[in-house]
Amino acid sequence: MARFLSLLAMILVGSVGILFAASNRMVVDLSVWPLPFTLPSPVYAVVLGAIVFGVLWGGLIGWLSSLRARRRARLETRRADNLEQDLHVLRDKIEALERRPLI
């Protein structure tokens, strides 16, 4: 169900992007104040480029901010695995001791 909703959302966003690009083909001049250069570019390229840049930048920031949590999760998983192995060893020792005859 989640895959279907994700696919539906991607189709919807893609359709809106295509409609936006088709209806905003006017050319604008991009310039950065201290530089003397201008770059003629269609409006849709500027807007969609800004959106793509923002999504990528936000994804990078989110990924970098989760590094500590992912590292901690890896360490805790390793710790839990080690504790489970210790538990199995101790259970085996207990079973071996219970099987030993009493003197």
PDB file of N, CA and C in Angstrom:
ATOM      1  N   MET A   1       0.822  -1.194   0.000  1.00  0.00           N
ATOM      2  CA  MET A   1       0.000   0.000   0.000  1.00  0.00           C
ATOM      3  C   MET A   1       0.868   1.261   0.000  1.00  0.00           C
ATOM      4  N   ALA A   2       1.951   1.219   0.785  1.00  0.00           N
ATOM      5  CA  ALA A   2       2.831   2.381   0.855  1.00  0.00           C
ATOM      6  C   ALA A   2       3.528   2.614  -0.485  1.00  0.00           C
ATOM      7  N   ARG A   3       3.884   1.524  -1.159  1.00  0.00           N
ATOM      8  CA  ARG A   3       4.513   1.650  -2.478  1.00  0.00           C
ATOM      9  C   ARG A   3       3.574   2.310  -3.468  1.00  0.00           C
ATOM     10  N   PHE A   4       2.319   1.919  -3.413  1.00  0.00           N
ATOM     11  CA  PHE A   4       1.322   2.493  -4.312  1.00  0.00           C
ATOM     12  C   PHE A   4       1.153   3.982  -4.042  1.00  0.00           C
ATOM     13  N   LEU A   5       1.073   4.356  -2.771  1.00  0.00           N
ATOM     14  CA  LEU A   5       0.927   5.774  -2.434  1.00  0.00           C
ATOM     15  C   LEU A   5       2.166   6.574  -2.829  1.00  0.00           C
ATOM     16  N   SER A   6       3.329   5.973  -2.653  1.00  0.00           N
ATOM     17  CA  SER A   6       4.564   6.637  -3.060  1.00  0.00           C
ATOM     18  C   SER A   6       4.597   6.840  -4.570  1.00  0.00           C
ATOM     19  N   LEU A   7       4.220   5.820  -5.319  1.00  0.00           N
ATOM     20  CA  LEU A   7       4.174   5.921  -6.778  1.00  0.00           C
ATOM     21  C   LEU A   7       3.157   6.973  -7.215  1.00  0.00           C
ATOM     22  N   LEU A   8       2.008   6.987  -6.568  1.00  0.00           N
ATOM     23  CA  LEU A   8       0.981   7.972  -6.882  1.00  0.00           C
ATOM     24  C   LEU A   8       1.474   9.395  -6.605  1.00  0.00           C
ATOM     25  N   ALA A   9       2.163   9.585  -5.484  1.00  0.00           N
ATOM     26  CA  ALA A   9       2.698  10.904  -5.148  1.00  0.00           C
ATOM     27  C   ALA A   9       3.758  11.334  -6.157  1.00  0.00           C
ATOM     28  N   MET A  10       4.615  10.410  -6.578  1.00  0.00           N
ATOM     29  CA  MET A  10       5.648  10.752  -7.566  1.00  0.00           C
ATOM     30  C   MET A  10       5.032  11.121  -8.904  1.00  0.00           C
ATOM     31  N   ILE A  11       3.991  10.394  -9.301  1.00  0.00           N
ATOM     32  CA  ILE A  11       3.312  10.719 -10.556  1.00  0.00           C
ATOM     33  C   ILE A  11       2.666  12.086 -10.471  1.00  0.00           C
ATOM     34  N   LEU A  12       2.045  12.390  -9.337  1.00  0.00           N
ATOM     35  CA  LEU A  12       1.399  13.690  -9.146  1.00  0.00           C
ATOM     36  C   LEU A  12       2.423  14.835  -9.174  1.00  0.00           C
ATOM     37  N   VAL A  13       3.509  14.676  -8.445  1.00  0.00           N
ATOM     38  CA  VAL A  13       4.545  15.723  -8.407  1.00  0.00           C
ATOM     39  C   VAL A  13       5.189  15.880  -9.777  1.00  0.00           C
ATOM     40  N   GLY A  14       5.452  14.775 -10.448  1.00  0.00           N
ATOM     41  CA  GLY A  14       6.031  14.837 -11.796  1.00  0.00           C
ATOM     42  C   GLY A  14       5.099  15.532 -12.773  1.00  0.00           C
ATOM     43  N   SER A  15       3.809  15.235 -12.687  1.00  0.00           N
ATOM     44  CA  SER A  15       2.835  15.885 -13.570  1.00  0.00           C
ATOM     45  C   SER A  15       2.776  17.382 -13.326  1.00  0.00           C
ATOM     46  N   VAL A  16       2.780  17.778 -12.066  1.00  0.00           N
ATOM     47  CA  VAL A  16       2.762  19.206 -11.743  1.00  0.00           C
ATOM     48  C   VAL A  16       4.033  19.870 -12.260  1.00  0.00           C
ATOM     49  N   GLY A  17       5.177  19.206 -12.114  1.00  0.00           N
ATOM     50  CA  GLY A  17       6.436  19.760 -12.619  1.00  0.00           C
ATOM     51  C   GLY A  17       6.421  19.917 -14.129  1.00  0.00           C
ATOM     52  N   ILE A  18       5.893  18.938 -14.824  1.00  0.00           N
ATOM     53  CA  ILE A  18       5.822  19.016 -16.289  1.00  0.00           C
ATOM     54  C   ILE A  18       4.869  20.124 -16.722  1.00  0.00           C
ATOM     55  N   LEU A  19       3.717  20.216 -16.068  1.00  0.00           N
ATOM     56  CA  LEU A  19       2.772  21.289 -16.399  1.00  0.00           C
ATOM     57  C   LEU A  19       3.381  22.665 -16.113  1.00  0.00           C
ATOM     58  N   PHE A  20       4.098  22.780 -14.998  1.00  0.00           N
ATOM     59  CA  PHE A  20       4.743  24.042 -14.663  1.00  0.00           C
ATOM     60  C   PHE A  20       5.783  24.412 -15.717  1.00  0.00           C
ATOM     61  N   ALA A  21       6.591  23.440 -16.129  1.00  0.00           N
ATOM     62  CA  ALA A  21       7.632  23.704 -17.126  1.00  0.00           C
ATOM     63  C   ALA A  21       7.023  24.078 -18.466  1.00  0.00           C
ATOM     64  N   ALA A  22       5.913  23.426 -18.824  1.00  0.00           N
ATOM     65  CA  ALA A  22       5.301  23.713 -20.123  1.00  0.00           C
ATOM     66  C   ALA A  22       4.657  25.091 -20.152  1.00  0.00           C
ATOM     67  N   SER A  23       4.177  25.573 -19.027  1.00  0.00           N
ATOM     68  CA  SER A  23       3.481  26.864 -19.032  1.00  0.00           C
ATOM     69  C   SER A  23       4.380  28.033 -18.624  1.00  0.00           C
ATOM     70  N   ASN A  24       5.630  27.806 -18.252  1.00  0.00           N
ATOM     71  CA  ASN A  24       6.536  28.889 -17.847  1.00  0.00           C
ATOM     72  C   ASN A  24       7.838  28.802 -18.631  1.00  0.00           C
ATOM     73  N   ARG A  25       7.742  28.992 -19.921  1.00  0.00           N
ATOM     74  CA  ARG A  25       8.926  28.884 -20.778  1.00  0.00           C
ATOM     75  C   ARG A  25       9.569  30.236 -21.066  1.00  0.00           C
ATOM     76  N   MET A  26       9.081  31.316 -20.468  1.00  0.00           N
ATOM     77  CA  MET A  26       9.659  32.633 -20.707  1.00  0.00           C
ATOM     78  C   MET A  26      11.126  32.652 -20.245  1.00  0.00           C
ATOM     79  N   VAL A  27      11.938  33.441 -20.918  1.00  0.00           N
ATOM     80  CA  VAL A  27      13.355  33.526 -20.587  1.00  0.00           C
ATOM     81  C   VAL A  27      13.576  34.726 -19.679  1.00  0.00           C
ATOM     82  N   VAL A  28      14.330  34.510 -18.609  1.00  0.00           N
ATOM     83  CA  VAL A  28      14.710  35.590 -17.698  1.00  0.00           C
ATOM     84  C   VAL A  28      16.234  35.636 -17.641  1.00  0.00           C
ATOM     85  N   ASP A  29      16.753  36.791 -17.270  1.00  0.00           N
ATOM     86  CA  ASP A  29      18.199  36.939 -17.115  1.00  0.00           C
ATOM     87  C   ASP A  29      18.564  36.775 -15.651  1.00  0.00           C
ATOM     88  N   LEU A  30      19.427  35.832 -15.370  1.00  0.00           N
ATOM     89  CA  LEU A  30      19.918  35.621 -14.012  1.00  0.00           C
ATOM     90  C   LEU A  30      21.237  36.343 -13.858  1.00  0.00           C
ATOM     91  N   SER A  31      21.355  37.068 -12.754  1.00  0.00           N
ATOM     92  CA  SER A  31      22.628  37.734 -12.483  1.00  0.00           C
ATOM     93  C   SER A  31      22.857  37.750 -10.986  1.00  0.00           C
ATOM     94  N   VAL A  32      24.113  37.765 -10.618  1.00  0.00           N
ATOM     95  CA  VAL A  32      24.498  37.878  -9.215  1.00  0.00           C
ATOM     96  C   VAL A  32      25.136  39.249  -9.061  1.00  0.00           C
ATOM     97  N   TRP A  33      24.700  40.003  -8.091  1.00  0.00           N
ATOM     98  CA  TRP A  33      24.999  41.420  -7.971  1.00  0.00           C
ATOM     99  C   TRP A  33      26.454  41.831  -8.212  1.00  0.00           C
ATOM    100  N   PRO A  34      27.433  41.283  -7.521  1.00  0.00           N
ATOM    101  CA  PRO A  34      28.767  41.842  -7.757  1.00  0.00           C
ATOM    102  C   PRO A  34      29.380  41.405  -9.082  1.00  0.00           C
ATOM    103  N   LEU A  35      28.852  40.378  -9.701  1.00  0.00           N
ATOM    104  CA  LEU A  35      29.439  39.874 -10.942  1.00  0.00           C
ATOM    105  C   LEU A  35      28.762  40.530 -12.144  1.00  0.00           C
ATOM    106  N   PRO A  36      29.520  40.796 -13.185  1.00  0.00           N
ATOM    107  CA  PRO A  36      28.936  41.476 -14.352  1.00  0.00           C
ATOM    108  C   PRO A  36      28.248  40.515 -15.333  1.00  0.00           C
ATOM    109  N   PHE A  37      28.196  39.239 -15.020  1.00  0.00           N
ATOM    110  CA  PHE A  37      27.661  38.253 -15.958  1.00  0.00           C
ATOM    111  C   PHE A  37      26.163  38.068 -15.772  1.00  0.00           C
ATOM    112  N   THR A  38      25.475  37.836 -16.881  1.00  0.00           N
ATOM    113  CA  THR A  38      24.062  37.448 -16.830  1.00  0.00           C
ATOM    114  C   THR A  38      23.899  36.148 -17.604  1.00  0.00           C
ATOM    115  N   LEU A  39      22.939  35.372 -17.197  1.00  0.00           N
ATOM    116  CA  LEU A  39      22.696  34.082 -17.825  1.00  0.00           C
ATOM    117  C   LEU A  39      21.227  33.995 -18.201  1.00  0.00           C
ATOM    118  N   PRO A  40      20.919  34.031 -19.490  1.00  0.00           N
ATOM    119  CA  PRO A  40      19.518  33.877 -19.877  1.00  0.00           C
ATOM    120  C   PRO A  40      19.069  32.435 -19.632  1.00  0.00           C
ATOM    121  N   SER A  41      17.942  32.287 -18.966  1.00  0.00           N
ATOM    122  CA  SER A  41      17.461  30.963 -18.588  1.00  0.00           C
ATOM    123  C   SER A  41      15.944  30.966 -18.513  1.00  0.00           C
ATOM    124  N   PRO A  42      15.288  29.866 -18.863  1.00  0.00           N
ATOM    125  CA  PRO A  42      13.835  29.811 -18.741  1.00  0.00           C
ATOM    126  C   PRO A  42      13.407  29.814 -17.273  1.00  0.00           C
ATOM    127  N   VAL A  43      12.232  30.346 -17.003  1.00  0.00           N
ATOM    128  CA  VAL A  43      11.738  30.457 -15.629  1.00  0.00           C
ATOM    129  C   VAL A  43      11.630  29.078 -14.986  1.00  0.00           C
ATOM    130  N   TYR A  44      11.129  28.111 -15.749  1.00  0.00           N
ATOM    131  CA  TYR A  44      10.942  26.793 -15.144  1.00  0.00           C
ATOM    132  C   TYR A  44      12.273  26.190 -14.715  1.00  0.00           C
ATOM    133  N   ALA A  45      13.343  26.452 -15.467  1.00  0.00           N
ATOM    134  CA  ALA A  45      14.650  25.900 -15.100  1.00  0.00           C
ATOM    135  C   ALA A  45      15.144  26.509 -13.791  1.00  0.00           C
ATOM    136  N   VAL A  46      14.892  27.801 -13.623  1.00  0.00           N
ATOM    137  CA  VAL A  46      15.317  28.474 -12.393  1.00  0.00           C
ATOM    138  C   VAL A  46      14.550  27.913 -11.199  1.00  0.00           C
ATOM    139  N   VAL A  47      13.236  27.824 -11.322  1.00  0.00           N
ATOM    140  CA  VAL A  47      12.410  27.369 -10.200  1.00  0.00           C
ATOM    141  C   VAL A  47      12.658  25.897  -9.893  1.00  0.00           C
ATOM    142  N   LEU A  48      12.625  25.053 -10.908  1.00  0.00           N
ATOM    143  CA  LEU A  48      12.851  23.627 -10.666  1.00  0.00           C
ATOM    144  C   LEU A  48      14.278  23.359 -10.182  1.00  0.00           C
ATOM    145  N   GLY A  49      15.240  24.133 -10.696  1.00  0.00           N
ATOM    146  CA  GLY A  49      16.616  24.003 -10.205  1.00  0.00           C
ATOM    147  C   GLY A  49      16.729  24.371  -8.734  1.00  0.00           C
ATOM    148  N   ALA A  50      16.030  25.434  -8.334  1.00  0.00           N
ATOM    149  CA  ALA A  50      16.045  25.821  -6.923  1.00  0.00           C
ATOM    150  C   ALA A  50      15.391  24.752  -6.054  1.00  0.00           C
ATOM    151  N   ILE A  51      14.312  24.158  -6.543  1.00  0.00           N
ATOM    152  CA  ILE A  51      13.647  23.104  -5.773  1.00  0.00           C
ATOM    153  C   ILE A  51      14.559  21.884  -5.640  1.00  0.00           C
ATOM    154  N   VAL A  52      15.181  21.471  -6.734  1.00  0.00           N
ATOM    155  CA  VAL A  52      16.086  20.320  -6.688  1.00  0.00           C
ATOM    156  C   VAL A  52      17.259  20.598  -5.753  1.00  0.00           C
ATOM    157  N   PHE A  53      17.820  21.791  -5.841  1.00  0.00           N
ATOM    158  CA  PHE A  53      18.922  22.163  -4.943  1.00  0.00           C
ATOM    159  C   PHE A  53      18.465  22.111  -3.488  1.00  0.00           C
ATOM    160  N   GLY A  54      17.283  22.638  -3.196  1.00  0.00           N
ATOM    161  CA  GLY A  54      16.773  22.628  -1.832  1.00  0.00           C
ATOM    162  C   GLY A  54      16.528  21.227  -1.308  1.00  0.00           C
ATOM    163  N   VAL A  55      15.992  20.360  -2.153  1.00  0.00           N
ATOM    164  CA  VAL A  55      15.747  18.975  -1.730  1.00  0.00           C
ATOM    165  C   VAL A  55      17.068  18.258  -1.464  1.00  0.00           C
ATOM    166  N   LEU A  56      18.030  18.434  -2.359  1.00  0.00           N
ATOM    167  CA  LEU A  56      19.330  17.784  -2.158  1.00  0.00           C
ATOM    168  C   LEU A  56      20.042  18.327  -0.924  1.00  0.00           C
ATOM    169  N   TRP A  57      20.002  19.633  -0.734  1.00  0.00           N
ATOM    170  CA  TRP A  57      20.644  20.254   0.425  1.00  0.00           C
ATOM    171  C   TRP A  57      19.977  19.776   1.715  1.00  0.00           C
ATOM    172  N   GLY A  58      18.645  19.739   1.732  1.00  0.00           N
ATOM    173  CA  GLY A  58      17.927  19.258   2.912  1.00  0.00           C
ATOM    174  C   GLY A  58      18.209  17.793   3.191  1.00  0.00           C
ATOM    175  N   GLY A  59      18.295  16.976   2.138  1.00  0.00           N
ATOM    176  CA  GLY A  59      18.637  15.567   2.320  1.00  0.00           C
ATOM    177  C   GLY A  59      20.033  15.394   2.891  1.00  0.00           C
ATOM    178  N   LEU A  60      20.969  16.199   2.413  1.00  0.00           N
ATOM    179  CA  LEU A  60      22.334  16.131   2.928  1.00  0.00           C
ATOM    180  C   LEU A  60      22.379  16.523   4.401  1.00  0.00           C
ATOM    181  N   ILE A  61      21.697  17.595   4.755  1.00  0.00           N
ATOM    182  CA  ILE A  61      21.666  18.038   6.151  1.00  0.00           C
ATOM    183  C   ILE A  61      21.017  16.970   7.028  1.00  0.00           C
ATOM    184  N   GLY A  62      19.911  16.383   6.561  1.00  0.00           N
ATOM    185  CA  GLY A  62      19.256  15.319   7.325  1.00  0.00           C
ATOM    186  C   GLY A  62      20.149  14.108   7.490  1.00  0.00           C
ATOM    187  N   TRP A  63      20.853  13.724   6.427  1.00  0.00           N
ATOM    188  CA  TRP A  63      21.742  12.576   6.496  1.00  0.00           C
ATOM    189  C   TRP A  63      22.891  12.836   7.465  1.00  0.00           C
ATOM    190  N   LEU A  64      23.478  14.035   7.386  1.00  0.00           N
ATOM    191  CA  LEU A  64      24.584  14.363   8.276  1.00  0.00           C
ATOM    192  C   LEU A  64      24.133  14.442   9.731  1.00  0.00           C
ATOM    193  N   SER A  65      22.928  14.939   9.968  1.00  0.00           N
ATOM    194  CA  SER A  65      22.458  15.055  11.346  1.00  0.00           C
ATOM    195  C   SER A  65      22.096  13.698  11.939  1.00  0.00           C
ATOM    196  N   SER A  66      21.852  12.696  11.115  1.00  0.00           N
ATOM    197  CA  SER A  66      21.502  11.379  11.642  1.00  0.00           C
ATOM    198  C   SER A  66      22.718  10.468  11.796  1.00  0.00           C
ATOM    199  N   LEU A  67      23.908  10.950  11.474  1.00  0.00           N
ATOM    200  CA  LEU A  67      25.106  10.107  11.568  1.00  0.00           C
ATOM    201  C   LEU A  67      25.312   9.576  12.984  1.00  0.00           C
ATOM    202  N   ARG A  68      25.158  10.444  13.977  1.00  0.00           N
ATOM    203  CA  ARG A  68      25.392  10.049  15.361  1.00  0.00           C
ATOM    204  C   ARG A  68      24.387   8.976  15.789  1.00  0.00           C
ATOM    205  N   ALA A  69      23.123   9.161  15.431  1.00  0.00           N
ATOM    206  CA  ALA A  69      22.096   8.190  15.813  1.00  0.00           C
ATOM    207  C   ALA A  69      22.333   6.846  15.126  1.00  0.00           C
ATOM    208  N   ARG A  70      22.719   6.865  13.851  1.00  0.00           N
ATOM    209  CA  ARG A  70      22.977   5.607  13.150  1.00  0.00           C
ATOM    210  C   ARG A  70      24.193   4.896  13.723  1.00  0.00           C
ATOM    211  N   ARG A  71      25.225   5.660  14.108  1.00  0.00           N
ATOM    212  CA  ARG A  71      26.414   5.061  14.713  1.00  0.00           C
ATOM    213  C   ARG A  71      26.053   4.421  16.045  1.00  0.00           C
ATOM    214  N   ARG A  72      25.253   5.133  16.824  1.00  0.00           N
ATOM    215  CA  ARG A  72      24.846   4.593  18.121  1.00  0.00           C
ATOM    216  C   ARG A  72      23.987   3.341  17.940  1.00  0.00           C
ATOM    217  N   ALA A  73      23.111   3.344  16.952  1.00  0.00           N
ATOM    218  CA  ALA A  73      22.278   2.172  16.693  1.00  0.00           C
ATOM    219  C   ALA A  73      23.137   0.975  16.291  1.00  0.00           C
ATOM    220  N   ARG A  74      24.170   1.214  15.470  1.00  0.00           N
ATOM    221  CA  ARG A  74      25.077   0.129  15.091  1.00  0.00           C
ATOM    222  C   ARG A  74      25.785  -0.439  16.317  1.00  0.00           C
ATOM    223  N   LEU A  75      26.278   0.460  17.195  1.00  0.00           N
ATOM    224  CA  LEU A  75      26.980   0.002  18.390  1.00  0.00           C
ATOM    225  C   LEU A  75      26.049  -0.784  19.311  1.00  0.00           C
ATOM    226  N   GLU A  76      24.830  -0.296  19.477  1.00  0.00           N
ATOM    227  CA  GLU A  76      23.877  -0.986  20.351  1.00  0.00           C
ATOM    228  C   GLU A  76      23.470  -2.339  19.763  1.00  0.00           C
ATOM    229  N   THR A  77      23.358  -2.424  18.457  1.00  0.00           N
ATOM    230  CA  THR A  77      23.046  -3.703  17.820  1.00  0.00           C
ATOM    231  C   THR A  77      24.179  -4.691  18.047  1.00  0.00           C
ATOM    232  N   ARG A  78      25.397  -4.221  17.887  1.00  0.00           N
ATOM    233  CA  ARG A  78      26.561  -5.080  18.133  1.00  0.00           C
ATOM    234  C   ARG A  78      26.591  -5.552  19.586  1.00  0.00           C
ATOM    235  N   ARG A  79      26.290  -4.611  20.497  1.00  0.00           N
ATOM    236  CA  ARG A  79      26.283  -4.939  21.926  1.00  0.00           C
ATOM    237  C   ARG A  79      25.203  -5.981  22.223  1.00  0.00           C
ATOM    238  N   ALA A  80      24.020  -5.809  21.655  1.00  0.00           N
ATOM    239  CA  ALA A  80      22.939  -6.766  21.876  1.00  0.00           C
ATOM    240  C   ALA A  80      23.303  -8.134  21.311  1.00  0.00           C
ATOM    241  N   ASP A  81      23.933  -8.171  20.148  1.00  0.00           N
ATOM    242  CA  ASP A  81      24.361  -9.452  19.575  1.00  0.00           C
ATOM    243  C   ASP A  81      25.373 -10.146  20.483  1.00  0.00           C
ATOM    244  N   ASN A  82      26.328  -9.374  21.014  1.00  0.00           N
ATOM    245  CA  ASN A  82      27.324  -9.953  21.921  1.00  0.00           C
ATOM    246  C   ASN A  82      26.665 -10.479  23.187  1.00  0.00           C
ATOM    247  N   LEU A  83      25.701  -9.728  23.725  1.00  0.00           N
ATOM    248  CA  LEU A  83      25.011 -10.177  24.927  1.00  0.00           C
ATOM    249  C   LEU A  83      24.188 -11.442  24.659  1.00  0.00           C
ATOM    250  N   GLU A  84      23.605 -11.538  23.474  1.00  0.00           N
ATOM    251  CA  GLU A  84      22.863 -12.754  23.122  1.00  0.00           C
ATOM    252  C   GLU A  84      23.787 -13.951  23.033  1.00  0.00           C
ATOM    253  N   GLN A  85      24.965 -13.761  22.458  1.00  0.00           N
ATOM    254  CA  GLN A  85      25.931 -14.859  22.386  1.00  0.00           C
ATOM    255  C   GLN A  85      26.352 -15.286  23.789  1.00  0.00           C
ATOM    256  N   ASP A  86      26.593 -14.302  24.661  1.00  0.00           N
ATOM    257  CA  ASP A  86      26.945 -14.620  26.043  1.00  0.00           C
ATOM    258  C   ASP A  86      25.820 -15.392  26.725  1.00  0.00           C
ATOM    259  N   LEU A  87      24.583 -14.999  26.463  1.00  0.00           N
ATOM    260  CA  LEU A  87      23.431 -15.678  27.053  1.00  0.00           C
ATOM    261  C   LEU A  87      23.363 -17.131  26.608  1.00  0.00           C
ATOM    262  N   HIS A  88      23.600 -17.374  25.326  1.00  0.00           N
ATOM    263  CA  HIS A  88      23.590 -18.748  24.821  1.00  0.00           C
ATOM    264  C   HIS A  88      24.701 -19.581  25.460  1.00  0.00           C
ATOM    265  N   VAL A  89      25.873 -18.991  25.612  1.00  0.00           N
ATOM    266  CA  VAL A  89      26.990 -19.704  26.244  1.00  0.00           C
ATOM    267  C   VAL A  89      26.639 -20.037  27.685  1.00  0.00           C
ATOM    268  N   LEU A  90      26.071 -19.067  28.412  1.00  0.00           N
ATOM    269  CA  LEU A  90      25.720 -19.308  29.809  1.00  0.00           C
ATOM    270  C   LEU A  90      24.611 -20.347  29.938  1.00  0.00           C
ATOM    271  N   ARG A  91      23.633 -20.326  29.022  1.00  0.00           N
ATOM    272  CA  ARG A  91      22.567 -21.343  29.062  1.00  0.00           C
ATOM    273  C   ARG A  91      23.145 -22.731  28.807  1.00  0.00           C
ATOM    274  N   ASP A  92      24.075 -22.814  27.867  1.00  0.00           N
ATOM    275  CA  ASP A  92      24.713 -24.106  27.606  1.00  0.00           C
ATOM    276  C   ASP A  92      25.479 -24.590  28.840  1.00  0.00           C
ATOM    277  N   LYS A  93      26.155 -23.683  29.525  1.00  0.00           N
ATOM    278  CA  LYS A  93      26.892 -24.055  30.736  1.00  0.00           C
ATOM    279  C   LYS A  93      25.934 -24.499  31.832  1.00  0.00           C
ATOM    280  N   ILE A  94      24.821 -23.814  31.969  1.00  0.00           N
ATOM    281  CA  ILE A  94      23.827 -24.187  32.986  1.00  0.00           C
ATOM    282  C   ILE A  94      23.259 -25.570  32.677  1.00  0.00           C
ATOM    283  N   GLU A  95      22.946 -25.814  31.416  1.00  0.00           N
ATOM    284  CA  GLU A  95      22.426 -27.136  31.032  1.00  0.00           C
ATOM    285  C   GLU A  95      23.447 -28.217  31.294  1.00  0.00           C
ATOM    286  N   ALA A  96      24.715 -27.936  31.017  1.00  0.00           N
ATOM    287  CA  ALA A  96      25.770 -28.920  31.263  1.00  0.00           C
ATOM    288  C   ALA A  96      25.896 -29.189  32.747  1.00  0.00           C
ATOM    289  N   LEU A  97      25.799 -28.153  33.566  1.00  0.00           N
ATOM    290  CA  LEU A  97      25.884 -28.334  35.014  1.00  0.00           C
ATOM    291  C   LEU A  97      24.674 -29.080  35.544  1.00  0.00           C
ATOM    292  N   GLU A  98      23.509 -28.855  34.983  1.00  0.00           N
ATOM    293  CA  GLU A  98      22.314 -29.548  35.454  1.00  0.00           C
ATOM    294  C   GLU A  98      22.356 -31.029  35.075  1.00  0.00           C
ATOM    295  N   ARG A  99      23.010 -31.365  33.979  1.00  0.00           N
ATOM    296  CA  ARG A  99      23.118 -32.753  33.561  1.00  0.00           C
ATOM    297  C   ARG A  99      24.172 -33.540  34.352  1.00  0.00           C
ATOM    298  N   ARG A 100      25.073 -32.831  34.993  1.00  0.00           N
ATOM    299  CA  ARG A 100      26.122 -33.510  35.772  1.00  0.00           C
ATOM    300  C   ARG A 100      25.508 -34.209  36.972  1.00  0.00           C
ATOM    301  N   PRO A 101      25.979 -35.394  37.264  1.00  0.00           N
ATOM    302  CA  PRO A 101      25.440 -36.099  38.441  1.00  0.00           C
ATOM    303  C   PRO A 101      25.942 -35.454  39.722  1.00  0.00           C
ATOM    304  N   LEU A 102      25.093 -35.442  40.702  1.00  0.00           N
ATOM    305  CA  LEU A 102      25.489 -34.914  42.013  1.00  0.00           C
ATOM    306  C   LEU A 102      26.327 -35.945  42.747  1.00  0.00           C
ATOM    307  N   ILE A 103      27.336 -35.515  43.454  1.00  0.00           N
ATOM    308  CA  ILE A 103      28.222 -36.426  44.188  1.00  0.00           C
ATOM    309  C   ILE A 103      27.778 -36.539  45.602  1.00  0.00           C
TER     310      ILE A 103
END
